Amino acid sequence: MHAQEIIRSIEQEFIKTDLPLINIGDNVRVNVKIVEGGKERLQAFEGTVICRRGAGISKNITVRRVFQGIGVERVFLLHSPRIESIKVTRRGSVRRAKLFYLRDRVGKATRVKEKV
């Protein structure tokens, strides 16, 4: 067996199978486990998926939201044990693979059309 095949077989155990189908432009709510001191809690991060990258266990998404007038982007590893759940709240209809142009937009111009 080659090294890559061994690595792939080990990674297979950790790949989550209960993830929803996430597309670019979708609004998602990601529940993340946060450790503060000795306590663990869930924190929700809701925003628009502007980028999808990677494959297999290293697949990740970039989620953007505007909080108090400031754009906040966060990259989430989809198969990370820190990710409790991902829920698609709204399907977006877009025509490109990366929505980095949303970074330059303000207010209502940042809206993405909903898929009907």
Protein backbone atom coordinates (compact mmCIF):
# COMPACT_ATOMS: atom_id res chain seq x y z
CA MET A 1 0.00 0.00 0.00
CA HIS A 2 1.15 3.49 -0.81
CA ALA A 3 1.41 6.17 1.86
CA GLN A 4 -1.50 8.15 0.39
CA GLU A 5 -3.79 5.12 0.53
CA ILE A 6 -2.91 4.58 4.19
CA ILE A 7 -3.56 8.23 5.01
CA ARG A 8 -6.88 8.15 3.14
CA SER A 9 -8.01 5.02 5.02
CA ILE A 10 -7.19 6.64 8.38
CA GLU A 11 -9.00 9.87 7.41
CA GLN A 12 -12.09 7.88 6.40
CA GLU A 13 -12.95 7.23 10.07
CA PHE A 14 -13.21 10.95 10.84
CA ILE A 15 -15.24 12.10 7.84
CA LYS A 16 -18.76 13.18 8.87
CA THR A 17 -21.64 11.72 6.88
CA ASP A 18 -24.49 13.81 8.30
CA LEU A 19 -23.49 17.12 6.67
CA PRO A 20 -26.09 18.92 4.52
CA LEU A 21 -25.40 19.89 0.91
CA ILE A 22 -23.81 23.34 1.17
CA ASN A 23 -23.51 25.56 -1.90
CA ILE A 24 -22.01 28.98 -2.46
CA GLY A 25 -24.47 31.77 -1.58
CA ASP A 26 -26.36 29.71 1.00
CA ASN A 27 -27.11 31.16 4.42
CA VAL A 28 -25.91 28.72 7.05
CA ARG A 29 -25.95 28.49 10.84
CA VAL A 30 -22.83 26.77 12.17
CA ASN A 31 -22.84 25.66 15.82
CA VAL A 32 -19.27 25.62 17.15
CA LYS A 33 -18.05 24.19 20.44
CA ILE A 34 -16.21 26.89 22.42
CA VAL A 35 -14.08 26.01 25.46
CA GLU A 36 -13.87 28.77 28.08
CA GLY A 37 -11.90 27.81 31.16
CA GLY A 38 -13.18 24.34 32.03
CA LYS A 39 -16.64 24.84 30.52
CA GLU A 40 -17.78 23.98 27.02
CA ARG A 41 -20.62 25.78 25.24
CA LEU A 42 -22.10 26.11 21.78
CA GLN A 43 -21.83 29.32 19.79
CA ALA A 44 -23.82 29.87 16.60
CA PHE A 45 -22.30 31.72 13.65
CA GLU A 46 -24.79 32.59 10.90
CA GLY A 47 -23.87 34.06 7.54
CA THR A 48 -23.43 33.59 3.80
CA VAL A 49 -21.08 30.96 2.37
CA ILE A 50 -18.69 32.89 0.11
CA CYS A 51 -16.08 30.21 -0.52
CA ARG A 52 -15.73 26.43 -0.54
CA ARG A 53 -12.28 24.90 -0.66
CA GLY A 54 -10.44 21.60 -0.25
CA ALA A 55 -11.50 17.98 -0.52
CA GLY A 56 -11.92 15.01 1.77
CA ILE A 57 -11.20 15.65 5.42
CA SER A 58 -9.65 19.07 4.72
CA LYS A 59 -12.79 20.50 3.07
CA ASN A 60 -13.68 23.92 4.46
CA ILE A 61 -16.10 26.79 3.93
CA THR A 62 -15.75 30.52 4.52
CA VAL A 63 -18.83 32.13 6.08
CA ARG A 64 -19.30 35.91 6.04
CA ARG A 65 -21.65 38.06 8.06
CA VAL A 66 -21.87 41.73 8.95
CA PHE A 67 -21.89 42.40 12.70
CA GLN A 68 -22.35 45.99 13.92
CA GLY A 69 -21.33 47.38 10.53
CA ILE A 70 -18.11 45.33 10.34
CA GLY A 71 -17.73 42.34 8.02
CA VAL A 72 -16.66 39.19 9.86
CA GLU A 73 -15.46 36.11 8.00
CA ARG A 74 -14.74 32.74 9.54
CA VAL A 75 -13.31 29.60 7.97
CA PHE A 76 -14.79 26.32 9.21
CA LEU A 77 -13.29 22.86 8.66
CA LEU A 78 -16.41 20.84 7.85
CA HIS A 79 -15.19 17.57 9.39
CA SER A 80 -13.74 19.14 12.54
CA PRO A 81 -14.89 17.72 15.91
CA ARG A 82 -15.40 21.35 17.04
CA ILE A 83 -18.30 21.71 14.59
CA GLU A 84 -21.45 20.49 16.33
CA SER A 85 -23.92 21.04 13.48
CA ILE A 86 -24.46 22.96 10.25
CA LYS A 87 -27.93 24.00 9.13
CA VAL A 88 -28.77 25.64 5.80
CA THR A 89 -31.30 28.38 6.59
CA ARG A 90 -31.68 29.79 3.06
CA ARG A 91 -30.59 28.61 -0.39
CA GLY A 92 -28.83 31.21 -2.50
CA SER A 93 -28.88 31.52 -6.26
CA VAL A 94 -25.49 32.70 -7.56
CA ARG A 95 -23.58 32.35 -10.80
CA ARG A 96 -20.01 32.09 -9.58
CA ALA A 97 -17.86 29.87 -7.37
CA LYS A 98 -16.42 32.55 -5.06
CA LEU A 99 -18.36 35.53 -3.73
CA PHE A 100 -15.39 37.67 -2.71
CA TYR A 101 -17.03 40.70 -4.38
CA LEU A 102 -19.41 40.85 -1.38
CA ARG A 103 -16.48 42.22 0.68
CA ASP A 104 -16.68 45.50 -1.25
CA ARG A 105 -20.45 45.83 -0.96
CA VAL A 106 -22.36 47.57 1.83
CA GLY A 107 -25.95 47.30 3.07
CA LYS A 108 -28.63 45.91 0.79
CA ALA A 109 -26.11 45.36 -2.01
CA THR A 110 -24.76 42.35 -0.08
CA ARG A 111 -28.02 40.41 -0.47
CA VAL A 112 -28.00 37.20 -2.49
CA LYS A 113 -31.08 36.12 -4.46
CA GLU A 114 -32.95 33.17 -2.99
CA LYS A 115 -33.25 29.97 -5.00
CA VAL A 116 -36.92 29.35 -5.75
